[in-house]
Amino acid sequence: MSRILLAEDDTTLRVFLAKALERAGHDVFSVGDGLEALAAAKTVQFDLLVADVVMPSLDGFQLAARARSAHPDLKVMFITGFAAVSLRGRDAELAGARVLSKPFHLRELVDRVHEVLHARTAL
């Protein structure tokens, strides 16, 4: 079982995503913004951060960078509805992170999380 930190500001979507990941056998800690996620990442060792790119207070890129500074092996996956715009020029911040563009099917999320968690190299 993997420990996943899920940061998504849309409450309804966050609940659906968390339930799908939990049904897939993961231990999920879900929060509504980047600051809450960062606080959790400082106290708990997670295997994967799944973060919305656009969130209030601390966006997904800032969250990933700060969380990785505390836990360099943390794998990261971004979810976003603004992929073409928000990812442009962010290569350094992505550092191998995967991106899943909204809308997506919950099965696609679970499959992509599985791929990221079982990749041979840290993402």
PDB file of N, CA and C in Angstrom:
ATOM      1  N   MET A   1       0.846  -1.181   0.000  1.00  0.00           N
ATOM      2  CA  MET A   1       0.000   0.000   0.000  1.00  0.00           C
ATOM      3  C   MET A   1       0.889   1.241   0.000  1.00  0.00           C
ATOM      4  N   SER A   2       0.562   2.165  -0.866  1.00  0.00           N
ATOM      5  CA  SER A   2       1.309   3.408  -0.975  1.00  0.00           C
ATOM      6  C   SER A   2       0.581   4.528  -0.255  1.00  0.00           C
ATOM      7  N   ARG A   3       1.363   5.473   0.260  1.00  0.00           N
ATOM      8  CA  ARG A   3       0.787   6.654   0.908  1.00  0.00           C
ATOM      9  C   ARG A   3       0.774   7.789  -0.107  1.00  0.00           C
ATOM     10  N   ILE A   4      -0.410   8.303  -0.356  1.00  0.00           N
ATOM     11  CA  ILE A   4      -0.587   9.350  -1.355  1.00  0.00           C
ATOM     12  C   ILE A   4      -1.117  10.611  -0.691  1.00  0.00           C
ATOM     13  N   LEU A   5      -0.485  11.727  -1.011  1.00  0.00           N
ATOM     14  CA  LEU A   5      -0.964  13.038  -0.593  1.00  0.00           C
ATOM     15  C   LEU A   5      -1.677  13.650  -1.783  1.00  0.00           C
ATOM     16  N   LEU A   6      -2.967  13.898  -1.638  1.00  0.00           N
ATOM     17  CA  LEU A   6      -3.796  14.450  -2.709  1.00  0.00           C
ATOM     18  C   LEU A   6      -4.158  15.888  -2.371  1.00  0.00           C
ATOM     19  N   ALA A   7      -3.758  16.821  -3.235  1.00  0.00           N
ATOM     20  CA  ALA A   7      -4.069  18.237  -3.036  1.00  0.00           C
ATOM     21  C   ALA A   7      -4.927  18.719  -4.202  1.00  0.00           C
ATOM     22  N   GLU A   8      -6.191  18.973  -3.929  1.00  0.00           N
ATOM     23  CA  GLU A   8      -7.155  19.402  -4.950  1.00  0.00           C
ATOM     24  C   GLU A   8      -8.143  20.345  -4.284  1.00  0.00           C
ATOM     25  N   ASP A   9      -8.301  21.555  -4.842  1.00  0.00           N
ATOM     26  CA  ASP A   9      -9.167  22.539  -4.200  1.00  0.00           C
ATOM     27  C   ASP A   9     -10.653  22.344  -4.485  1.00  0.00           C
ATOM     28  N   ASP A  10     -11.011  21.578  -5.488  1.00  0.00           N
ATOM     29  CA  ASP A  10     -12.413  21.293  -5.778  1.00  0.00           C
ATOM     30  C   ASP A  10     -12.854  20.144  -4.862  1.00  0.00           C
ATOM     31  N   THR A  11     -13.697  20.458  -3.892  1.00  0.00           N
ATOM     32  CA  THR A  11     -14.085  19.483  -2.875  1.00  0.00           C
ATOM     33  C   THR A  11     -14.710  18.228  -3.462  1.00  0.00           C
ATOM     34  N   THR A  12     -15.651  18.382  -4.370  1.00  0.00           N
ATOM     35  CA  THR A  12     -16.327  17.225  -4.955  1.00  0.00           C
ATOM     36  C   THR A  12     -15.344  16.343  -5.699  1.00  0.00           C
ATOM     37  N   LEU A  13     -14.498  16.941  -6.515  1.00  0.00           N
ATOM     38  CA  LEU A  13     -13.506  16.178  -7.260  1.00  0.00           C
ATOM     39  C   LEU A  13     -12.527  15.496  -6.312  1.00  0.00           C
ATOM     40  N   ARG A  14     -12.098  16.200  -5.275  1.00  0.00           N
ATOM     41  CA  ARG A  14     -11.157  15.643  -4.305  1.00  0.00           C
ATOM     42  C   ARG A  14     -11.729  14.383  -3.646  1.00  0.00           C
ATOM     43  N   VAL A  15     -12.998  14.414  -3.283  1.00  0.00           N
ATOM     44  CA  VAL A  15     -13.638  13.254  -2.658  1.00  0.00           C
ATOM     45  C   VAL A  15     -13.668  12.072  -3.621  1.00  0.00           C
ATOM     46  N   PHE A  16     -14.051  12.312  -4.881  1.00  0.00           N
ATOM     47  CA  PHE A  16     -14.089  11.238  -5.879  1.00  0.00           C
ATOM     48  C   PHE A  16     -12.700  10.651  -6.124  1.00  0.00           C
ATOM     49  N   LEU A  17     -11.705  11.511  -6.259  1.00  0.00           N
ATOM     50  CA  LEU A  17     -10.344  11.046  -6.511  1.00  0.00           C
ATOM     51  C   LEU A  17      -9.822  10.225  -5.334  1.00  0.00           C
ATOM     52  N   ALA A  18     -10.043  10.716  -4.129  1.00  0.00           N
ATOM     53  CA  ALA A  18      -9.579  10.003  -2.939  1.00  0.00           C
ATOM     54  C   ALA A  18     -10.235   8.628  -2.838  1.00  0.00           C
ATOM     55  N   LYS A  19     -11.533   8.564  -3.079  1.00  0.00           N
ATOM     56  CA  LYS A  19     -12.235   7.282  -2.990  1.00  0.00           C
ATOM     57  C   LYS A  19     -11.717   6.298  -4.032  1.00  0.00           C
ATOM     58  N   ALA A  20     -11.464   6.779  -5.244  1.00  0.00           N
ATOM     59  CA  ALA A  20     -10.949   5.902  -6.302  1.00  0.00           C
ATOM     60  C   ALA A  20      -9.576   5.357  -5.930  1.00  0.00           C
ATOM     61  N   LEU A  21      -8.732   6.201  -5.389  1.00  0.00           N
ATOM     62  CA  LEU A  21      -7.389   5.756  -4.999  1.00  0.00           C
ATOM     63  C   LEU A  21      -7.434   4.815  -3.792  1.00  0.00           C
ATOM     64  N   GLU A  22      -8.332   5.080  -2.876  1.00  0.00           N
ATOM     65  CA  GLU A  22      -8.485   4.195  -1.714  1.00  0.00           C
ATOM     66  C   GLU A  22      -8.999   2.829  -2.140  1.00  0.00           C
ATOM     67  N   ARG A  23      -9.965   2.803  -3.070  1.00  0.00           N
ATOM     68  CA  ARG A  23     -10.480   1.527  -3.576  1.00  0.00           C
ATOM     69  C   ARG A  23      -9.385   0.737  -4.297  1.00  0.00           C
ATOM     70  N   ALA A  24      -8.403   1.445  -4.833  1.00  0.00           N
ATOM     71  CA  ALA A  24      -7.283   0.791  -5.515  1.00  0.00           C
ATOM     72  C   ALA A  24      -6.231   0.304  -4.519  1.00  0.00           C
ATOM     73  N   GLY A  25      -6.466   0.539  -3.222  1.00  0.00           N
ATOM     74  CA  GLY A  25      -5.580   0.007  -2.199  1.00  0.00           C
ATOM     75  C   GLY A  25      -4.575   0.979  -1.619  1.00  0.00           C
ATOM     76  N   HIS A  26      -4.717   2.248  -1.905  1.00  0.00           N
ATOM     77  CA  HIS A  26      -3.771   3.243  -1.400  1.00  0.00           C
ATOM     78  C   HIS A  26      -4.288   3.909  -0.129  1.00  0.00           C
ATOM     79  N   ASP A  27      -3.361   4.374   0.679  1.00  0.00           N
ATOM     80  CA  ASP A  27      -3.668   5.163   1.862  1.00  0.00           C
ATOM     81  C   ASP A  27      -3.604   6.625   1.409  1.00  0.00           C
ATOM     82  N   VAL A  28      -4.743   7.309   1.400  1.00  0.00           N
ATOM     83  CA  VAL A  28      -4.826   8.655   0.836  1.00  0.00           C
ATOM     84  C   VAL A  28      -5.107   9.681   1.921  1.00  0.00           C
ATOM     85  N   PHE A  29      -4.300  10.742   1.916  1.00  0.00           N
ATOM     86  CA  PHE A  29      -4.532  11.898   2.778  1.00  0.00           C
ATOM     87  C   PHE A  29      -4.865  13.043   1.832  1.00  0.00           C
ATOM     88  N   SER A  30      -6.091  13.544   1.883  1.00  0.00           N
ATOM     89  CA  SER A  30      -6.496  14.577   0.937  1.00  0.00           C
ATOM     90  C   SER A  30      -6.726  15.915   1.626  1.00  0.00           C
ATOM     91  N   VAL A  31      -6.311  16.975   0.916  1.00  0.00           N
ATOM     92  CA  VAL A  31      -6.423  18.336   1.439  1.00  0.00           C
ATOM     93  C   VAL A  31      -6.903  19.267   0.333  1.00  0.00           C
ATOM     94  N   GLY A  32      -7.384  20.446   0.754  1.00  0.00           N
ATOM     95  CA  GLY A  32      -7.989  21.374  -0.178  1.00  0.00           C
ATOM     96  C   GLY A  32      -7.102  22.476  -0.708  1.00  0.00           C
ATOM     97  N   ASP A  33      -5.875  22.593  -0.230  1.00  0.00           N
ATOM     98  CA  ASP A  33      -4.989  23.617  -0.791  1.00  0.00           C
ATOM     99  C   ASP A  33      -3.526  23.258  -0.564  1.00  0.00           C
ATOM    100  N   GLY A  34      -2.676  24.019  -1.206  1.00  0.00           N
ATOM    101  CA  GLY A  34      -1.248  23.748  -1.157  1.00  0.00           C
ATOM    102  C   GLY A  34      -0.614  23.898   0.210  1.00  0.00           C
ATOM    103  N   LEU A  35      -1.075  24.872   0.989  1.00  0.00           N
ATOM    104  CA  LEU A  35      -0.497  25.061   2.322  1.00  0.00           C
ATOM    105  C   LEU A  35      -0.810  23.882   3.245  1.00  0.00           C
ATOM    106  N   GLU A  36      -2.044  23.372   3.172  1.00  0.00           N
ATOM    107  CA  GLU A  36      -2.409  22.195   3.968  1.00  0.00           C
ATOM    108  C   GLU A  36      -1.560  20.997   3.543  1.00  0.00           C
ATOM    109  N   ALA A  37      -1.370  20.864   2.242  1.00  0.00           N
ATOM    110  CA  ALA A  37      -0.577  19.743   1.718  1.00  0.00           C
ATOM    111  C   ALA A  37       0.870  19.848   2.173  1.00  0.00           C
ATOM    112  N   LEU A  38       1.419  21.051   2.141  1.00  0.00           N
ATOM    113  CA  LEU A  38       2.808  21.239   2.556  1.00  0.00           C
ATOM    114  C   LEU A  38       2.978  20.900   4.032  1.00  0.00           C
ATOM    115  N   ALA A  39       2.045  21.308   4.858  1.00  0.00           N
ATOM    116  CA  ALA A  39       2.104  20.985   6.286  1.00  0.00           C
ATOM    117  C   ALA A  39       2.083  19.470   6.491  1.00  0.00           C
ATOM    118  N   ALA A  40       1.242  18.773   5.745  1.00  0.00           N
ATOM    119  CA  ALA A  40       1.172  17.315   5.855  1.00  0.00           C
ATOM    120  C   ALA A  40       2.466  16.670   5.374  1.00  0.00           C
ATOM    121  N   ALA A  41       3.028  17.192   4.282  1.00  0.00           N
ATOM    122  CA  ALA A  41       4.263  16.623   3.720  1.00  0.00           C
ATOM    123  C   ALA A  41       5.450  16.790   4.660  1.00  0.00           C
ATOM    124  N   LYS A  42       5.397  17.787   5.509  1.00  0.00           N
ATOM    125  CA  LYS A  42       6.489  18.007   6.460  1.00  0.00           C
ATOM    126  C   LYS A  42       6.435  17.034   7.632  1.00  0.00           C
ATOM    127  N   THR A  43       5.261  16.457   7.897  1.00  0.00           N
ATOM    128  CA  THR A  43       5.114  15.590   9.063  1.00  0.00           C
ATOM    129  C   THR A  43       4.977  14.110   8.724  1.00  0.00           C
ATOM    130  N   VAL A  44       4.591  13.796   7.495  1.00  0.00           N
ATOM    131  CA  VAL A  44       4.354  12.414   7.094  1.00  0.00           C
ATOM    132  C   VAL A  44       5.160  12.108   5.839  1.00  0.00           C
ATOM    133  N   GLN A  45       5.727  10.924   5.751  1.00  0.00           N
ATOM    134  CA  GLN A  45       6.458  10.501   4.554  1.00  0.00           C
ATOM    135  C   GLN A  45       5.450   9.905   3.567  1.00  0.00           C
ATOM    136  N   PHE A  46       5.279  10.566   2.426  1.00  0.00           N
ATOM    137  CA  PHE A  46       4.381  10.088   1.384  1.00  0.00           C
ATOM    138  C   PHE A  46       5.201   9.507   0.238  1.00  0.00           C
ATOM    139  N   ASP A  47       4.596   8.566  -0.491  1.00  0.00           N
ATOM    140  CA  ASP A  47       5.242   7.987  -1.666  1.00  0.00           C
ATOM    141  C   ASP A  47       4.981   8.836  -2.905  1.00  0.00           C
ATOM    142  N   LEU A  48       3.810   9.472  -2.928  1.00  0.00           N
ATOM    143  CA  LEU A  48       3.387  10.214  -4.114  1.00  0.00           C
ATOM    144  C   LEU A  48       2.571  11.438  -3.714  1.00  0.00           C
ATOM    145  N   LEU A  49       2.844  12.525  -4.402  1.00  0.00           N
ATOM    146  CA  LEU A  49       2.035  13.734  -4.301  1.00  0.00           C
ATOM    147  C   LEU A  49       1.238  13.851  -5.587  1.00  0.00           C
ATOM    148  N   VAL A  50      -0.084  13.905  -5.470  1.00  0.00           N
ATOM    149  CA  VAL A  50      -0.966  14.177  -6.606  1.00  0.00           C
ATOM    150  C   VAL A  50      -1.533  15.555  -6.349  1.00  0.00           C
ATOM    151  N   ALA A  51      -1.140  16.525  -7.177  1.00  0.00           N
ATOM    152  CA  ALA A  51      -1.515  17.917  -6.903  1.00  0.00           C
ATOM    153  C   ALA A  51      -2.137  18.587  -8.117  1.00  0.00           C
ATOM    154  N   ASP A  52      -3.223  19.293  -7.862  1.00  0.00           N
ATOM    155  CA  ASP A  52      -3.793  20.165  -8.883  1.00  0.00           C
ATOM    156  C   ASP A  52      -2.772  21.271  -9.127  1.00  0.00           C
ATOM    157  N   VAL A  53      -2.646  21.703 -10.369  1.00  0.00           N
ATOM    158  CA  VAL A  53      -1.692  22.771 -10.669  1.00  0.00           C
ATOM    159  C   VAL A  53      -2.185  24.105 -10.137  1.00  0.00           C
ATOM    160  N   VAL A  54      -3.457  24.399 -10.342  1.00  0.00           N
ATOM    161  CA  VAL A  54      -4.009  25.696  -9.945  1.00  0.00           C
ATOM    162  C   VAL A  54      -4.791  25.540  -8.644  1.00  0.00           C
ATOM    163  N   MET A  55      -4.226  26.098  -7.564  1.00  0.00           N
ATOM    164  CA  MET A  55      -4.866  26.061  -6.245  1.00  0.00           C
ATOM    165  C   MET A  55      -4.616  27.389  -5.545  1.00  0.00           C
ATOM    166  N   PRO A  56      -5.487  27.739  -4.606  1.00  0.00           N
ATOM    167  CA  PRO A  56      -5.251  28.964  -3.848  1.00  0.00           C
ATOM    168  C   PRO A  56      -4.072  28.800  -2.883  1.00  0.00           C
ATOM    169  N   SER A  57      -3.457  29.870  -2.556  1.00  0.00           N
ATOM    170  CA  SER A  57      -2.381  30.003  -1.566  1.00  0.00           C
ATOM    171  C   SER A  57      -1.040  29.449  -2.009  1.00  0.00           C
ATOM    172  N   LEU A  58      -0.995  28.288  -2.593  1.00  0.00           N
ATOM    173  CA  LEU A  58       0.258  27.678  -3.022  1.00  0.00           C
ATOM    174  C   LEU A  58      -0.093  26.757  -4.176  1.00  0.00           C
ATOM    175  N   ASP A  59       0.426  27.050  -5.380  1.00  0.00           N
ATOM    176  CA  ASP A  59       0.048  26.221  -6.522  1.00  0.00           C
ATOM    177  C   ASP A  59       0.778  24.878  -6.497  1.00  0.00           C
ATOM    178  N   GLY A  60       0.388  23.999  -7.391  1.00  0.00           N
ATOM    179  CA  GLY A  60       0.952  22.660  -7.414  1.00  0.00           C
ATOM    180  C   GLY A  60       2.452  22.630  -7.624  1.00  0.00           C
ATOM    181  N   PHE A  61       2.977  23.534  -8.466  1.00  0.00           N
ATOM    182  CA  PHE A  61       4.421  23.577  -8.716  1.00  0.00           C
ATOM    183  C   PHE A  61       5.186  23.999  -7.462  1.00  0.00           C
ATOM    184  N   GLN A  62       4.690  25.034  -6.815  1.00  0.00           N
ATOM    185  CA  GLN A  62       5.340  25.499  -5.585  1.00  0.00           C
ATOM    186  C   GLN A  62       5.277  24.418  -4.512  1.00  0.00           C
ATOM    187  N   LEU A  63       4.131  23.775  -4.401  1.00  0.00           N
ATOM    188  CA  LEU A  63       3.964  22.703  -3.433  1.00  0.00           C
ATOM    189  C   LEU A  63       4.956  21.576  -3.697  1.00  0.00           C
ATOM    190  N   ALA A  64       5.048  21.144  -4.940  1.00  0.00           N
ATOM    191  CA  ALA A  64       5.950  20.038  -5.282  1.00  0.00           C
ATOM    192  C   ALA A  64       7.402  20.396  -4.977  1.00  0.00           C
ATOM    193  N   ALA A  65       7.801  21.596  -5.333  1.00  0.00           N
ATOM    194  CA  ALA A  65       9.189  22.013  -5.085  1.00  0.00           C
ATOM    195  C   ALA A  65       9.495  22.022  -3.590  1.00  0.00           C
ATOM    196  N   ARG A  66       8.599  22.562  -2.797  1.00  0.00           N
ATOM    197  CA  ARG A  66       8.833  22.629  -1.349  1.00  0.00           C
ATOM    198  C   ARG A  66       8.766  21.255  -0.694  1.00  0.00           C
ATOM    199  N   ALA A  67       7.825  20.441  -1.133  1.00  0.00           N
ATOM    200  CA  ALA A  67       7.704  19.095  -0.566  1.00  0.00           C
ATOM    201  C   ALA A  67       8.920  18.245  -0.925  1.00  0.00           C
ATOM    202  N   ARG A  68       9.415  18.401  -2.143  1.00  0.00           N
ATOM    203  CA  ARG A  68      10.598  17.643  -2.564  1.00  0.00           C
ATOM    204  C   ARG A  68      11.860  18.116  -1.858  1.00  0.00           C
ATOM    205  N   SER A  69      11.883  19.353  -1.423  1.00  0.00           N
ATOM    206  CA  SER A  69      13.071  19.810  -0.695  1.00  0.00           C
ATOM    207  C   SER A  69      13.189  19.075   0.640  1.00  0.00           C
ATOM    208  N   ALA A  70      12.055  18.720   1.225  1.00  0.00           N
ATOM    209  CA  ALA A  70      12.051  17.957   2.473  1.00  0.00           C
ATOM    210  C   ALA A  70      12.181  16.453   2.211  1.00  0.00           C
ATOM    211  N   HIS A  71      11.638  15.993   1.088  1.00  0.00           N
ATOM    212  CA  HIS A  71      11.638  14.559   0.740  1.00  0.00           C
ATOM    213  C   HIS A  71      12.001  14.416  -0.738  1.00  0.00           C
ATOM    214  N   PRO A  72      13.288  14.406  -1.072  1.00  0.00           N
ATOM    215  CA  PRO A  72      13.733  14.382  -2.474  1.00  0.00           C
ATOM    216  C   PRO A  72      13.231  13.194  -3.289  1.00  0.00           C
ATOM    217  N   ASP A  73      12.893  12.087  -2.656  1.00  0.00           N
ATOM    218  CA  ASP A  73      12.427  10.910  -3.385  1.00  0.00           C
ATOM    219  C   ASP A  73      10.920  10.913  -3.640  1.00  0.00           C
ATOM    220  N   LEU A  74      10.237  11.960  -3.208  1.00  0.00           N
ATOM    221  CA  LEU A  74       8.798  12.045  -3.399  1.00  0.00           C
ATOM    222  C   LEU A  74       8.471  12.091  -4.891  1.00  0.00           C
ATOM    223  N   LYS A  75       7.621  11.181  -5.325  1.00  0.00           N
ATOM    224  CA  LYS A  75       7.164  11.186  -6.719  1.00  0.00           C
ATOM    225  C   LYS A  75       6.000  12.160  -6.818  1.00  0.00           C
ATOM    226  N   VAL A  76       5.866  12.769  -8.002  1.00  0.00           N
ATOM    227  CA  VAL A  76       4.863  13.818  -8.181  1.00  0.00           C
ATOM    228  C   VAL A  76       4.057  13.575  -9.445  1.00  0.00           C
ATOM    229  N   MET A  77       2.751  13.797  -9.333  1.00  0.00           N
ATOM    230  CA  MET A  77       1.866  13.781 -10.485  1.00  0.00           C
ATOM    231  C   MET A  77       0.956  15.000 -10.379  1.00  0.00           C
ATOM    232  N   PHE A  78       0.901  15.778 -11.458  1.00  0.00           N
ATOM    233  CA  PHE A  78       0.029  16.948 -11.485  1.00  0.00           C
ATOM    234  C   PHE A  78      -1.245  16.607 -12.226  1.00  0.00           C
ATOM    235  N   ILE A  79      -2.359  17.187 -11.763  1.00  0.00           N
ATOM    236  CA  ILE A  79      -3.626  17.115 -12.484  1.00  0.00           C
ATOM    237  C   ILE A  79      -4.027  18.549 -12.788  1.00  0.00           C
ATOM    238  N   THR A  80      -4.503  18.763 -13.999  1.00  0.00           N
ATOM    239  CA  THR A  80      -4.834  20.130 -14.381  1.00  0.00           C
ATOM    240  C   THR A  80      -5.816  20.184 -15.536  1.00  0.00           C
ATOM    241  N   GLY A  81      -6.599  21.224 -15.546  1.00  0.00           N
ATOM    242  CA  GLY A  81      -7.485  21.506 -16.661  1.00  0.00           C
ATOM    243  C   GLY A  81      -6.881  22.553 -17.577  1.00  0.00           C
ATOM    244  N   PHE A  82      -5.689  23.025 -17.247  1.00  0.00           N
ATOM    245  CA  PHE A  82      -5.041  24.094 -17.997  1.00  0.00           C
ATOM    246  C   PHE A  82      -3.653  23.686 -18.456  1.00  0.00           C
ATOM    247  N   ALA A  83      -3.485  22.445 -18.878  1.00  0.00           N
ATOM    248  CA  ALA A  83      -2.160  21.897 -19.176  1.00  0.00           C
ATOM    249  C   ALA A  83      -1.362  22.733 -20.171  1.00  0.00           C
ATOM    250  N   ALA A  84      -1.945  23.067 -21.278  1.00  0.00           N
ATOM    251  CA  ALA A  84      -1.190  23.763 -22.320  1.00  0.00           C
ATOM    252  C   ALA A  84      -0.668  25.106 -21.849  1.00  0.00           C
ATOM    253  N   VAL A  85      -1.451  25.794 -21.046  1.00  0.00           N
ATOM    254  CA  VAL A  85      -1.056  27.119 -20.580  1.00  0.00           C
ATOM    255  C   VAL A  85      -0.159  27.037 -19.351  1.00  0.00           C
ATOM    256  N   SER A  86      -0.576  26.285 -18.359  1.00  0.00           N
ATOM    257  CA  SER A  86       0.121  26.327 -17.074  1.00  0.00           C
ATOM    258  C   SER A  86       1.437  25.576 -17.056  1.00  0.00           C
ATOM    259  N   LEU A  87       1.664  24.660 -17.971  1.00  0.00           N
ATOM    260  CA  LEU A  87       2.895  23.885 -17.953  1.00  0.00           C
ATOM    261  C   LEU A  87       3.995  24.499 -18.805  1.00  0.00           C
ATOM    262  N   ARG A  88       3.660  25.460 -19.627  1.00  0.00           N
ATOM    263  CA  ARG A  88       4.636  26.087 -20.509  1.00  0.00           C
ATOM    264  C   ARG A  88       5.749  26.746 -19.694  1.00  0.00           C
ATOM    265  N   GLY A  89       6.991  26.387 -19.990  1.00  0.00           N
ATOM    266  CA  GLY A  89       8.137  26.995 -19.333  1.00  0.00           C
ATOM    267  C   GLY A  89       8.390  26.499 -17.924  1.00  0.00           C
ATOM    268  N   ARG A  90       7.815  25.377 -17.550  1.00  0.00           N
ATOM    269  CA  ARG A  90       7.943  24.876 -16.187  1.00  0.00           C
ATOM    270  C   ARG A  90       8.811  23.619 -16.111  1.00  0.00           C
ATOM    271  N   ASP A  91       9.656  23.365 -17.086  1.00  0.00           N
ATOM    272  CA  ASP A  91      10.440  22.126 -17.139  1.00  0.00           C
ATOM    273  C   ASP A  91      11.231  21.872 -15.861  1.00  0.00           C
ATOM    274  N   ALA A  92      11.874  22.883 -15.320  1.00  0.00           N
ATOM    275  CA  ALA A  92      12.695  22.692 -14.120  1.00  0.00           C
ATOM    276  C   ALA A  92      11.836  22.280 -12.937  1.00  0.00           C
ATOM    277  N   GLU A  93      10.654  22.871 -12.827  1.00  0.00           N
ATOM    278  CA  GLU A  93       9.787  22.552 -11.699  1.00  0.00           C
ATOM    279  C   GLU A  93       9.146  21.176 -11.842  1.00  0.00           C
ATOM    280  N   LEU A  94       8.927  20.737 -13.092  1.00  0.00           N
ATOM    281  CA  LEU A  94       8.314  19.426 -13.306  1.00  0.00           C
ATOM    282  C   LEU A  94       9.260  18.306 -12.903  1.00  0.00           C
ATOM    283  N   ALA A  95      10.524  18.426 -13.230  1.00  0.00           N
ATOM    284  CA  ALA A  95      11.562  17.451 -12.843  1.00  0.00           C
ATOM    285  C   ALA A  95      11.075  16.011 -12.929  1.00  0.00           C
ATOM    286  N   GLY A  96      10.544  15.632 -14.078  1.00  0.00           N
ATOM    287  CA  GLY A  96      10.120  14.258 -14.286  1.00  0.00           C
ATOM    288  C   GLY A  96       8.718  13.934 -13.814  1.00  0.00           C
ATOM    289  N   ALA A  97       8.001  14.904 -13.293  1.00  0.00           N
ATOM    290  CA  ALA A  97       6.641  14.651 -12.808  1.00  0.00           C
ATOM    291  C   ALA A  97       5.724  14.330 -13.978  1.00  0.00           C
ATOM    292  N   ARG A  98       4.725  13.528 -13.721  1.00  0.00           N
ATOM    293  CA  ARG A  98       3.719  13.190 -14.729  1.00  0.00           C
ATOM    294  C   ARG A  98       2.575  14.197 -14.646  1.00  0.00           C
ATOM    295  N   VAL A  99       1.878  14.349 -15.763  1.00  0.00           N
ATOM    296  CA  VAL A  99       0.748  15.280 -15.826  1.00  0.00           C
ATOM    297  C   VAL A  99      -0.464  14.542 -16.379  1.00  0.00           C
ATOM    298  N   LEU A 100      -1.582  14.691 -15.702  1.00  0.00           N
ATOM    299  CA  LEU A 100      -2.844  14.125 -16.160  1.00  0.00           C
ATOM    300  C   LEU A 100      -3.802  15.291 -16.377  1.00  0.00           C
ATOM    301  N   SER A 101      -4.266  15.442 -17.611  1.00  0.00           N
ATOM    302  CA  SER A 101      -5.132  16.574 -17.959  1.00  0.00           C
ATOM    303  C   SER A 101      -6.597  16.248 -17.706  1.00  0.00           C
ATOM    304  N   LYS A 102      -7.292  17.206 -17.092  1.00  0.00           N
ATOM    305  CA  LYS A 102      -8.727  17.088 -16.856  1.00  0.00           C
ATOM    306  C   LYS A 102      -9.445  17.400 -18.163  1.00  0.00           C
ATOM    307  N   PRO A 103     -10.551  16.788 -18.444  1.00  0.00           N
ATOM    308  CA  PRO A 103     -11.204  15.744 -17.649  1.00  0.00           C
ATOM    309  C   PRO A 103     -10.548  14.385 -17.908  1.00  0.00           C
ATOM    310  N   PHE A 104     -10.600  13.525 -16.916  1.00  0.00           N
ATOM    311  CA  PHE A 104     -10.077  12.178 -17.066  1.00  0.00           C
ATOM    312  C   PHE A 104     -11.000  11.214 -16.333  1.00  0.00           C
ATOM    313  N   HIS A 105     -10.916   9.962 -16.709  1.00  0.00           N
ATOM    314  CA  HIS A 105     -11.716   8.920 -16.061  1.00  0.00           C
ATOM    315  C   HIS A 105     -10.970   8.457 -14.811  1.00  0.00           C
ATOM    316  N   LEU A 106     -11.699   8.092 -13.778  1.00  0.00           N
ATOM    317  CA  LEU A 106     -11.063   7.650 -12.534  1.00  0.00           C
ATOM    318  C   LEU A 106     -10.150   6.451 -12.762  1.00  0.00           C
ATOM    319  N   ARG A 107     -10.490   5.578 -13.695  1.00  0.00           N
ATOM    320  CA  ARG A 107      -9.627   4.423 -14.014  1.00  0.00           C
ATOM    321  C   ARG A 107      -8.295   4.906 -14.562  1.00  0.00           C
ATOM    322  N   GLU A 108      -8.330   5.970 -15.372  1.00  0.00           N
ATOM    323  CA  GLU A 108      -7.097   6.538 -15.915  1.00  0.00           C
ATOM    324  C   GLU A 108      -6.213   7.084 -14.790  1.00  0.00           C
ATOM    325  N   LEU A 109      -6.826   7.723 -13.808  1.00  0.00           N
ATOM    326  CA  LEU A 109      -6.073   8.222 -12.656  1.00  0.00           C
ATOM    327  C   LEU A 109      -5.393   7.071 -11.919  1.00  0.00           C
ATOM    328  N   VAL A 110      -6.155   6.037 -11.624  1.00  0.00           N
ATOM    329  CA  VAL A 110      -5.614   4.892 -10.890  1.00  0.00           C
ATOM    330  C   VAL A 110      -4.480   4.240 -11.677  1.00  0.00           C
ATOM    331  N   ASP A 111      -4.670   4.074 -12.976  1.00  0.00           N
ATOM    332  CA  ASP A 111      -3.623   3.472 -13.818  1.00  0.00           C
ATOM    333  C   ASP A 111      -2.369   4.326 -13.847  1.00  0.00           C
ATOM    334  N   ARG A 112      -2.538   5.632 -13.994  1.00  0.00           N
ATOM    335  CA  ARG A 112      -1.381   6.527 -14.051  1.00  0.00           C
ATOM    336  C   ARG A 112      -0.645   6.547 -12.713  1.00  0.00           C
ATOM    337  N   VAL A 113      -1.382   6.554 -11.611  1.00  0.00           N
ATOM    338  CA  VAL A 113      -0.754   6.505 -10.287  1.00  0.00           C
ATOM    339  C   VAL A 113       0.056   5.218 -10.146  1.00  0.00           C
ATOM    340  N   HIS A 114      -0.504   4.115 -10.582  1.00  0.00           N
ATOM    341  CA  HIS A 114       0.205   2.836 -10.526  1.00  0.00           C
ATOM    342  C   HIS A 114       1.509   2.910 -11.323  1.00  0.00           C
ATOM    343  N   GLU A 115       1.459   3.490 -12.517  1.00  0.00           N
ATOM    344  CA  GLU A 115       2.650   3.640 -13.353  1.00  0.00           C
ATOM    345  C   GLU A 115       3.715   4.475 -12.642  1.00  0.00           C
ATOM    346  N   VAL A 116       3.311   5.583 -12.069  1.00  0.00           N
ATOM    347  CA  VAL A 116       4.250   6.472 -11.401  1.00  0.00           C
ATOM    348  C   VAL A 116       4.883   5.782 -10.189  1.00  0.00           C
ATOM    349  N   LEU A 117       4.060   5.118  -9.407  1.00  0.00           N
ATOM    350  CA  LEU A 117       4.576   4.475  -8.192  1.00  0.00           C
ATOM    351  C   LEU A 117       5.508   3.304  -8.500  1.00  0.00           C
ATOM    352  N   HIS A 118       5.310   2.659  -9.641  1.00  0.00           N
ATOM    353  CA  HIS A 118       6.123   1.493  -9.966  1.00  0.00           C
ATOM    354  C   HIS A 118       7.213   1.770 -11.004  1.00  0.00           C
ATOM    355  N   ALA A 119       7.423   3.031 -11.326  1.00  0.00           N
ATOM    356  CA  ALA A 119       8.508   3.386 -12.234  1.00  0.00           C
ATOM    357  C   ALA A 119       9.831   3.082 -11.557  1.00  0.00           C
ATOM    358  N   ARG A 120      10.801   2.645 -12.318  1.00  0.00           N
ATOM    359  CA  ARG A 120      12.105   2.264 -11.749  1.00  0.00           C
ATOM    360  C   ARG A 120      12.862   3.453 -11.187  1.00  0.00           C
ATOM    361  N   THR A 121      12.704   4.612 -11.790  1.00  0.00           N
ATOM    362  CA  THR A 121      13.427   5.791 -11.304  1.00  0.00           C
ATOM    363  C   THR A 121      12.456   6.716 -10.622  1.00  0.00           C
ATOM    364  N   ALA A 122      12.977   7.488  -9.675  1.00  0.00           N
ATOM    365  CA  ALA A 122      12.142   8.461  -8.978  1.00  0.00           C
ATOM    366  C   ALA A 122      11.702   9.526  -9.948  1.00  0.00           C
ATOM    367  N   LEU A 123      10.440   9.899  -9.862  1.00  0.00           N
ATOM    368  CA  LEU A 123       9.896  10.954 -10.736  1.00  0.00           C
ATOM    369  C   LEU A 123       9.834  12.243  -9.980  1.00  0.00           C
TER     370      LEU A 123
END
